[in-house]
C-alpha atoms as a PDB file:
ATOM      1  CA  ASP A   1     -17.588  50.277 -76.547  1.00  0.00           C
ATOM      2  CA  SER A   2     -16.364  50.810 -72.955  1.00  0.00           C
ATOM      3  CA  ALA A   3     -17.423  47.362 -71.732  1.00  0.00           C
ATOM      4  CA  SER A   4     -14.848  44.666 -71.029  1.00  0.00           C
ATOM      5  CA  ARG A   5     -17.333  41.761 -70.742  1.00  0.00           C
ATOM      6  CA  VAL A   6     -20.971  40.861 -70.316  1.00  0.00           C
ATOM      7  CA  GLU A   7     -22.244  38.179 -67.974  1.00  0.00           C
ATOM      8  CA  VAL A   8     -25.681  36.523 -68.300  1.00  0.00           C
ATOM      9  CA  LEU A   9     -26.811  34.721 -65.135  1.00  0.00           C
ATOM     10  CA  ARG A  10     -29.831  32.422 -65.036  1.00  0.00           C
ATOM     11  CA  GLY A  11     -31.687  31.750 -61.806  1.00  0.00           C
ATOM     12  CA  PRO A  12     -32.878  33.623 -58.686  1.00  0.00           C
ATOM     13  CA  PHE A  13     -30.289  36.223 -57.669  1.00  0.00           C
ATOM     14  CA  SER A  14     -32.383  38.584 -55.530  1.00  0.00           C
ATOM     15  CA  ALA A  15     -29.905  38.375 -52.625  1.00  0.00           C
ATOM     16  CA  LEU A  16     -27.147  39.904 -54.727  1.00  0.00           C
ATOM     17  CA  TYR A  17     -28.877  41.880 -57.459  1.00  0.00           C
ATOM     18  CA  GLY A  18     -32.100  43.275 -55.986  1.00  0.00           C
ATOM     19  CA  ASN A  19     -35.708  42.313 -55.502  1.00  0.00           C
ATOM     20  CA  SER A  20     -37.297  39.858 -57.978  1.00  0.00           C
ATOM     21  CA  ALA A  21     -34.042  39.356 -59.946  1.00  0.00           C
ATOM     22  CA  GLY A  22     -35.011  36.179 -61.790  1.00  0.00           C
ATOM     23  CA  GLY A  23     -31.960  36.602 -63.999  1.00  0.00           C
ATOM     24  CA  VAL A  24     -29.193  39.122 -64.552  1.00  0.00           C
ATOM     25  CA  ILE A  25     -27.527  40.684 -67.588  1.00  0.00           C
ATOM     26  CA  GLN A  26     -24.506  42.520 -66.222  1.00  0.00           C
ATOM     27  CA  LEU A  27     -22.066  44.677 -68.153  1.00  0.00           C
ATOM     28  CA  PHE A  28     -18.623  45.416 -66.733  1.00  0.00           C
ATOM     29  CA  THR A  29     -16.913  48.629 -67.841  1.00  0.00           C
ATOM     30  CA  ALA A  30     -13.238  48.048 -68.653  1.00  0.00           C
ATOM     31  CA  ASP A  31     -10.534  49.576 -66.431  1.00  0.00           C
ATOM     32  CA  GLY A  32      -8.181  52.196 -67.796  1.00  0.00           C
ATOM     33  CA  ARG A  33      -5.231  50.796 -69.724  1.00  0.00           C
ATOM     34  CA  ASP A  34      -1.584  51.213 -68.795  1.00  0.00           C
ATOM     35  CA  ALA A  35      -1.018  53.173 -72.013  1.00  0.00           C
ATOM     36  CA  ASP A  36      -3.366  55.988 -72.926  1.00  0.00           C
ATOM     37  CA  GLU A  37      -5.614  55.098 -75.854  1.00  0.00           C
ATOM     38  CA  LEU A  38      -8.131  56.929 -78.015  1.00  0.00           C
ATOM     39  CA  ARG A  39     -10.623  55.165 -80.267  1.00  0.00           C
ATOM     40  CA  LEU A  40     -12.901  56.654 -82.855  1.00  0.00           C
ATOM     41  CA  GLY A  41     -15.696  54.707 -84.558  1.00  0.00           C
ATOM     42  CA  LEU A  42     -18.021  55.422 -87.470  1.00  0.00           C
ATOM     43  CA  VAL A  43     -20.723  53.087 -88.852  1.00  0.00           C
ATOM     44  CA  GLY A  44     -23.229  53.582 -91.626  1.00  0.00           C
ATOM     45  CA  ALA A  45     -25.896  51.241 -92.956  1.00  0.00           C
ATOM     46  CA  SER A  46     -29.125  51.105 -94.858  1.00  0.00           C
ATOM     47  CA  TYR A  47     -32.389  52.640 -93.584  1.00  0.00           C
ATOM     48  CA  GLY A  48     -30.503  55.730 -92.457  1.00  0.00           C
ATOM     49  CA  VAL A  49     -28.538  53.963 -89.755  1.00  0.00           C
ATOM     50  CA  GLY A  50     -25.514  55.926 -88.536  1.00  0.00           C
ATOM     51  CA  ARG A  51     -23.340  55.615 -85.455  1.00  0.00           C
ATOM     52  CA  ALA A  52     -20.385  57.670 -84.245  1.00  0.00           C
ATOM     53  CA  SER A  53     -18.419  56.945 -81.093  1.00  0.00           C
ATOM     54  CA  VAL A  54     -15.333  58.068 -79.211  1.00  0.00           C
ATOM     55  CA  ASN A  55     -13.631  56.209 -76.378  1.00  0.00           C
ATOM     56  CA  ALA A  56     -10.654  57.329 -74.301  1.00  0.00           C
ATOM     57  CA  ARG A  57      -8.977  55.169 -71.665  1.00  0.00           C
ATOM     58  CA  GLY A  58      -5.716  55.185 -69.759  1.00  0.00           C
ATOM     59  CA  SER A  59      -4.091  55.456 -66.376  1.00  0.00           C
ATOM     60  CA  SER A  60      -1.644  57.579 -64.395  1.00  0.00           C
ATOM     61  CA  GLY A  61      -0.173  55.847 -61.381  1.00  0.00           C
ATOM     62  CA  PRO A  62      -3.010  54.624 -59.164  1.00  0.00           C
ATOM     63  CA  PHE A  63      -5.665  56.450 -61.200  1.00  0.00           C
ATOM     64  CA  GLY A  64      -7.449  54.922 -64.198  1.00  0.00           C
ATOM     65  CA  TYR A  65     -10.145  56.215 -66.496  1.00  0.00           C
ATOM     66  CA  ASN A  66     -12.460  55.002 -69.279  1.00  0.00           C
ATOM     67  CA  LEU A  67     -14.633  57.623 -71.011  1.00  0.00           C
ATOM     68  CA  ASP A  68     -17.101  56.826 -73.802  1.00  0.00           C
ATOM     69  CA  PHE A  69     -19.666  58.690 -75.855  1.00  0.00           C
ATOM     70  CA  SER A  70     -21.767  57.509 -78.769  1.00  0.00           C
ATOM     71  CA  HIS A  71     -24.410  58.922 -81.110  1.00  0.00           C
ATOM     72  CA  PHE A  72     -26.848  56.662 -82.933  1.00  0.00           C
ATOM     73  CA  GLN A  73     -29.609  57.434 -85.405  1.00  0.00           C
ATOM     74  CA  THR A  74     -31.888  55.570 -87.801  1.00  0.00           C
ATOM     75  CA  ASP A  75     -34.748  56.249 -90.133  1.00  0.00           C
ATOM     76  CA  GLY A  76     -36.115  52.862 -89.206  1.00  0.00           C
ATOM     77  CA  TYR A  77     -37.001  49.787 -91.295  1.00  0.00           C
ATOM     78  CA  ARG A  78     -40.687  50.536 -90.935  1.00  0.00           C
ATOM     79  CA  ASP A  79     -42.477  53.823 -91.590  1.00  0.00           C
ATOM     80  CA  HIS A  80     -42.702  56.102 -88.577  1.00  0.00           C
ATOM     81  CA  SER A  81     -39.852  54.309 -86.757  1.00  0.00           C
ATOM     82  CA  ALA A  82     -37.043  56.860 -86.768  1.00  0.00           C
ATOM     83  CA  ALA A  83     -34.984  57.218 -83.594  1.00  0.00           C
ATOM     84  CA  ARG A  84     -31.935  58.979 -82.185  1.00  0.00           C
ATOM     85  CA  ARG A  85     -29.861  58.126 -79.087  1.00  0.00           C
ATOM     86  CA  GLU A  86     -27.018  59.863 -77.287  1.00  0.00           C
ATOM     87  CA  SER A  87     -25.296  57.863 -74.603  1.00  0.00           C
ATOM     88  CA  GLY A  88     -22.221  58.332 -72.414  1.00  0.00           C
ATOM     89  CA  ASN A  89     -20.396  56.238 -69.879  1.00  0.00           C
ATOM     90  CA  ALA A  90     -17.502  57.041 -67.590  1.00  0.00           C
ATOM     91  CA  LYS A  91     -15.466  54.925 -65.136  1.00  0.00           C
ATOM     92  CA  LEU A  92     -12.885  56.406 -62.797  1.00  0.00           C
ATOM     93  CA  SER A  93     -10.857  54.212 -60.431  1.00  0.00           C
ATOM     94  CA  TRP A  94      -8.252  54.664 -57.754  1.00  0.00           C
ATOM     95  CA  ASP A  95      -6.028  52.012 -56.208  1.00  0.00           C
ATOM     96  CA  PHE A  96      -4.910  53.142 -52.726  1.00  0.00           C
ATOM     97  CA  GLY A  97      -2.768  50.101 -52.075  1.00  0.00           C
ATOM     98  CA  SER A  98      -3.166  47.544 -49.269  1.00  0.00           C
ATOM     99  CA  GLY A  99      -6.156  46.071 -51.102  1.00  0.00           C
ATOM    100  CA  SER A 100      -8.200  49.321 -51.108  1.00  0.00           C
ATOM    101  CA  THR A 101      -9.907  50.464 -54.340  1.00  0.00           C
ATOM    102  CA  LEU A 102     -12.510  53.090 -55.189  1.00  0.00           C
ATOM    103  CA  THR A 103     -14.508  53.028 -58.429  1.00  0.00           C
ATOM    104  CA  VAL A 104     -16.933  55.666 -59.685  1.00  0.00           C
ATOM    105  CA  VAL A 105     -19.207  54.966 -62.654  1.00  0.00           C
ATOM    106  CA  ALA A 106     -21.514  57.544 -64.265  1.00  0.00           C
ATOM    107  CA  ASN A 107     -23.698  57.154 -67.332  1.00  0.00           C
ATOM    108  CA  THR A 108     -26.380  58.927 -69.273  1.00  0.00           C
ATOM    109  CA  VAL A 109     -28.768  58.111 -72.082  1.00  0.00           C
ATOM    110  CA  TYR A 110     -30.990  60.546 -74.015  1.00  0.00           C
ATOM    111  CA  ILE A 111     -33.600  59.369 -76.575  1.00  0.00           C
ATOM    112  CA  PRO A 112     -35.728  62.264 -77.881  1.00  0.00           C
ATOM    113  CA  ASP A 113     -39.038  61.544 -79.639  1.00  0.00           C
ATOM    114  CA  ALA A 114     -38.363  57.991 -80.864  1.00  0.00           C
ATOM    115  CA  ASP A 115     -41.166  57.129 -83.263  1.00  0.00           C
ATOM    116  CA  ASP A 116     -43.361  54.141 -82.391  1.00  0.00           C
ATOM    117  CA  PRO A 117     -44.927  52.406 -85.425  1.00  0.00           C
ATOM    118  CA  LEU A 118     -47.022  50.135 -83.161  1.00  0.00           C
ATOM    119  CA  GLY A 119     -47.908  46.557 -83.938  1.00  0.00           C
ATOM    120  CA  LEU A 120     -49.452  44.995 -87.035  1.00  0.00           C
ATOM    121  CA  THR A 121     -51.985  42.303 -87.472  1.00  0.00           C
ATOM    122  CA  ARG A 122     -50.837  39.144 -89.226  1.00  0.00           C
ATOM    123  CA  ALA A 123     -52.745  40.228 -92.356  1.00  0.00           C
ATOM    124  CA  GLN A 124     -51.095  43.651 -92.326  1.00  0.00           C
ATOM    125  CA  TYR A 125     -47.665  42.133 -91.853  1.00  0.00           C
ATOM    126  CA  GLU A 126     -48.104  39.694 -94.691  1.00  0.00           C
ATOM    127  CA  ALA A 127     -49.337  42.507 -96.982  1.00  0.00           C
ATOM    128  CA  ASN A 128     -46.450  44.860 -96.095  1.00  0.00           C
ATOM    129  CA  PRO A 129     -44.167  44.316 -93.107  1.00  0.00           C
ATOM    130  CA  ARG A 130     -42.798  47.859 -93.388  1.00  0.00           C
ATOM    131  CA  GLN A 131     -46.130  49.624 -93.045  1.00  0.00           C
ATOM    132  CA  VAL A 132     -47.207  51.515 -89.965  1.00  0.00           C
ATOM    133  CA  ALA A 133     -50.466  51.271 -88.044  1.00  0.00           C
ATOM    134  CA  ALA A 134     -52.733  54.096 -89.142  1.00  0.00           C
ATOM    135  CA  VAL A 135     -53.329  55.302 -85.575  1.00  0.00           C
ATOM    136  CA  ALA A 136     -49.574  55.690 -85.069  1.00  0.00           C
ATOM    137  CA  GLU A 137     -49.451  58.507 -87.609  1.00  0.00           C
ATOM    138  CA  GLN A 138     -52.813  59.876 -86.507  1.00  0.00           C
ATOM    139  CA  PHE A 139     -51.600  60.310 -82.953  1.00  0.00           C
ATOM    140  CA  ASN A 140     -47.887  60.677 -83.793  1.00  0.00           C
ATOM    141  CA  THR A 141     -47.028  57.978 -81.262  1.00  0.00           C
ATOM    142  CA  ARG A 142     -43.516  58.476 -79.840  1.00  0.00           C
ATOM    143  CA  LYS A 143     -41.467  58.175 -76.720  1.00  0.00           C
ATOM    144  CA  SER A 144     -38.685  60.223 -75.094  1.00  0.00           C
ATOM    145  CA  VAL A 145     -36.312  59.030 -72.365  1.00  0.00           C
ATOM    146  CA  ASP A 146     -33.686  60.969 -70.385  1.00  0.00           C
ATOM    147  CA  GLN A 147     -31.784  59.096 -67.700  1.00  0.00           C
ATOM    148  CA  LYS A 148     -28.647  59.979 -65.698  1.00  0.00           C
ATOM    149  CA  GLN A 149     -27.074  58.011 -62.877  1.00  0.00           C
ATOM    150  CA  VAL A 150     -23.848  57.764 -60.864  1.00  0.00           C
ATOM    151  CA  GLY A 151     -22.573  55.175 -58.423  1.00  0.00           C
ATOM    152  CA  ALA A 152     -19.419  54.450 -56.368  1.00  0.00           C
ATOM    153  CA  ILE A 153     -17.971  51.231 -55.013  1.00  0.00           C
ATOM    154  CA  PHE A 154     -15.287  50.927 -52.278  1.00  0.00           C
ATOM    155  CA  GLU A 155     -13.631  47.554 -51.845  1.00  0.00           C
ATOM    156  CA  GLN A 156     -11.201  46.512 -49.137  1.00  0.00           C
ATOM    157  CA  ALA A 157      -9.405  43.219 -48.920  1.00  0.00           C
ATOM    158  CA  LEU A 158      -9.273  42.176 -45.268  1.00  0.00           C
ATOM    159  CA  GLY A 159      -6.660  39.494 -45.677  1.00  0.00           C
ATOM    160  CA  GLY A 160      -7.006  35.841 -46.387  1.00  0.00           C
ATOM    161  CA  ALA A 161     -10.229  35.180 -48.228  1.00  0.00           C
ATOM    162  CA  HIS A 162     -12.219  38.087 -46.748  1.00  0.00           C
ATOM    163  CA  THR A 163     -13.433  41.177 -48.632  1.00  0.00           C
ATOM    164  CA  LEU A 164     -15.529  44.173 -47.624  1.00  0.00           C
ATOM    165  CA  ARG A 165     -17.576  46.037 -50.297  1.00  0.00           C
ATOM    166  CA  LEU A 166     -19.520  49.275 -49.927  1.00  0.00           C
ATOM    167  CA  MET A 167     -21.661  50.688 -52.729  1.00  0.00           C
ATOM    168  CA  ALA A 168     -23.967  53.721 -53.201  1.00  0.00           C
ATOM    169  CA  TYR A 169     -25.766  55.003 -56.266  1.00  0.00           C
ATOM    170  CA  GLY A 170     -28.394  57.509 -57.381  1.00  0.00           C
ATOM    171  CA  GLY A 171     -30.073  58.666 -60.571  1.00  0.00           C
ATOM    172  CA  ARG A 172     -33.031  60.269 -62.258  1.00  0.00           C
ATOM    173  CA  ARG A 173     -35.214  59.028 -65.133  1.00  0.00           C
ATOM    174  CA  GLU A 174     -37.715  61.048 -67.154  1.00  0.00           C
ATOM    175  CA  VAL A 175     -40.127  59.450 -69.665  1.00  0.00           C
ATOM    176  CA  GLU A 176     -42.736  61.012 -71.946  1.00  0.00           C
ATOM    177  CA  GLN A 177     -44.779  58.792 -74.220  1.00  0.00           C
ATOM    178  CA  PHE A 178     -47.683  59.635 -76.585  1.00  0.00           C
ATOM    179  CA  LEU A 179     -50.158  56.755 -77.025  1.00  0.00           C
ATOM    180  CA  ALA A 180     -52.749  55.935 -79.720  1.00  0.00           C
ATOM    181  CA  ILE A 181     -55.807  56.324 -77.525  1.00  0.00           C
ATOM    182  CA  PRO A 182     -58.901  58.009 -79.072  1.00  0.00           C
ATOM    183  CA  ALA A 183     -60.143  61.200 -77.441  1.00  0.00           C
ATOM    184  CA  ALA A 184     -63.554  59.606 -76.775  1.00  0.00           C
ATOM    185  CA  THR A 185     -61.860  56.903 -74.661  1.00  0.00           C
ATOM    186  CA  GLN A 186     -59.815  59.481 -72.804  1.00  0.00           C
ATOM    187  CA  ALA A 187     -63.019  61.402 -71.991  1.00  0.00           C
ATOM    188  CA  ASN A 188     -63.868  58.873 -69.291  1.00  0.00           C
ATOM    189  CA  PRO A 189     -62.816  60.585 -66.023  1.00  0.00           C
ATOM    190  CA  LEU A 190     -61.421  57.257 -64.793  1.00  0.00           C
ATOM    191  CA  HIS A 191     -59.109  56.874 -67.818  1.00  0.00           C
ATOM    192  CA  ALA A 192     -55.432  57.622 -67.439  1.00  0.00           C
ATOM    193  CA  GLY A 193     -55.230  59.672 -70.627  1.00  0.00           C
ATOM    194  CA  GLY A 194     -53.250  59.463 -73.844  1.00  0.00           C
ATOM    195  CA  VAL A 195     -49.886  60.732 -72.632  1.00  0.00           C
ATOM    196  CA  ILE A 196     -47.534  59.227 -70.066  1.00  0.00           C
ATOM    197  CA  ASP A 197     -45.524  61.915 -68.274  1.00  0.00           C
ATOM    198  CA  LEU A 198     -43.317  60.129 -65.785  1.00  0.00           C
ATOM    199  CA  ASP A 199     -40.221  61.165 -63.814  1.00  0.00           C
ATOM    200  CA  GLY A 200     -38.563  59.795 -60.757  1.00  0.00           C
ATOM    201  CA  ASP A 201     -35.453  59.850 -58.597  1.00  0.00           C
ATOM    202  CA  TYR A 202     -33.903  56.675 -57.287  1.00  0.00           C
ATOM    203  CA  ALA A 203     -30.981  55.831 -54.968  1.00  0.00           C
ATOM    204  CA  GLY A 204     -29.604  53.042 -52.918  1.00  0.00           C
ATOM    205  CA  THR A 205     -26.767  51.603 -50.892  1.00  0.00           C
ATOM    206  CA  ASP A 206     -25.292  48.168 -50.357  1.00  0.00           C
ATOM    207  CA  ALA A 207     -22.746  46.755 -47.877  1.00  0.00           C
ATOM    208  CA  ARG A 208     -21.495  43.194 -47.933  1.00  0.00           C
ATOM    209  CA  TRP A 209     -18.777  40.975 -46.517  1.00  0.00           C
ATOM    210  CA  THR A 210     -17.571  38.014 -48.620  1.00  0.00           C
ATOM    211  CA  TRP A 211     -15.585  34.981 -47.661  1.00  0.00           C
ATOM    212  CA  ALA A 212     -14.288  32.903 -50.575  1.00  0.00           C
ATOM    213  CA  ALA A 213     -12.624  29.515 -50.357  1.00  0.00           C
ATOM    214  CA  ASP A 214     -12.739  27.585 -53.608  1.00  0.00           C
ATOM    215  CA  PRO A 215     -15.222  26.177 -54.489  1.00  0.00           C
ATOM    216  CA  LEU A 216     -17.430  27.918 -51.866  1.00  0.00           C
ATOM    217  CA  GLU A 217     -18.296  31.579 -51.394  1.00  0.00           C
ATOM    218  CA  LEU A 218     -20.348  33.159 -48.605  1.00  0.00           C
ATOM    219  CA  THR A 219     -21.784  36.659 -48.778  1.00  0.00           C
ATOM    220  CA  VAL A 220     -23.531  38.483 -45.947  1.00  0.00           C
ATOM    221  CA  GLY A 221     -24.780  42.039 -46.084  1.00  0.00           C
ATOM    222  CA  PHE A 222     -27.696  44.440 -46.419  1.00  0.00           C
ATOM    223  CA  ASN A 223     -29.020  46.864 -48.978  1.00  0.00           C
ATOM    224  CA  TYR A 224     -31.460  49.721 -49.057  1.00  0.00           C
ATOM    225  CA  ASP A 225     -33.099  51.089 -52.215  1.00  0.00           C
ATOM    226  CA  GLU A 226     -35.730  53.802 -52.688  1.00  0.00           C
ATOM    227  CA  GLN A 227     -37.666  55.320 -55.558  1.00  0.00           C
ATOM    228  CA  ASP A 228     -39.667  58.572 -55.594  1.00  0.00           C
ATOM    229  CA  GLN A 229     -41.834  58.565 -58.707  1.00  0.00           C
ATOM    230  CA  HIS A 230     -44.158  61.242 -60.107  1.00  0.00           C
ATOM    231  CA  ARG A 231     -46.632  60.312 -62.822  1.00  0.00           C
ATOM    232  CA  ARG A 232     -49.140  62.535 -64.555  1.00  0.00           C
END
């Protein structure tokens, strides 16, 4: 709800969007509006689908804001496929004049115990596409995700066609997933087990100078990213 547009880029963009970026789907959060605005949304559908959202955006002088929160839940089309998701996104921006702007974006997503019905064979699907794999219920296969991140971008127009951009971000992601792996298979001391318990912190920074003269654009800079991951 807080996005202004989505861009889908095809091709190798590692230089601008990180290692091994063979394509990019990029969402841009809208800036705060001149007039304060509050939006409320409510959606209901079959299979227990429900969604509630609230979005507030506005500005005061050089300061703009866009705050969004949504709750989603579903019983799922298939058996053992219920899920719930809480997500929030915030964008705060300051215009200091003389071509200087600072933007801070923070977001969070929480998905507790989303049921996983697993895959079906072709014969099972043709018999009943809504059924669940027997081992999914036997092992109660499910997945939980909790992720929070924040980033800031400072941009300075240097005059003419030159722009300087500095960015930094950081976040944390926690994942717990229960798999349908028999105990006998897990008994092998070399086996990874039936539960994924993964958490990790990540952060990075990026600095770039851009010169743009239609139809050409040149970008030079550097970036540094790191990830510290713990898996049990």
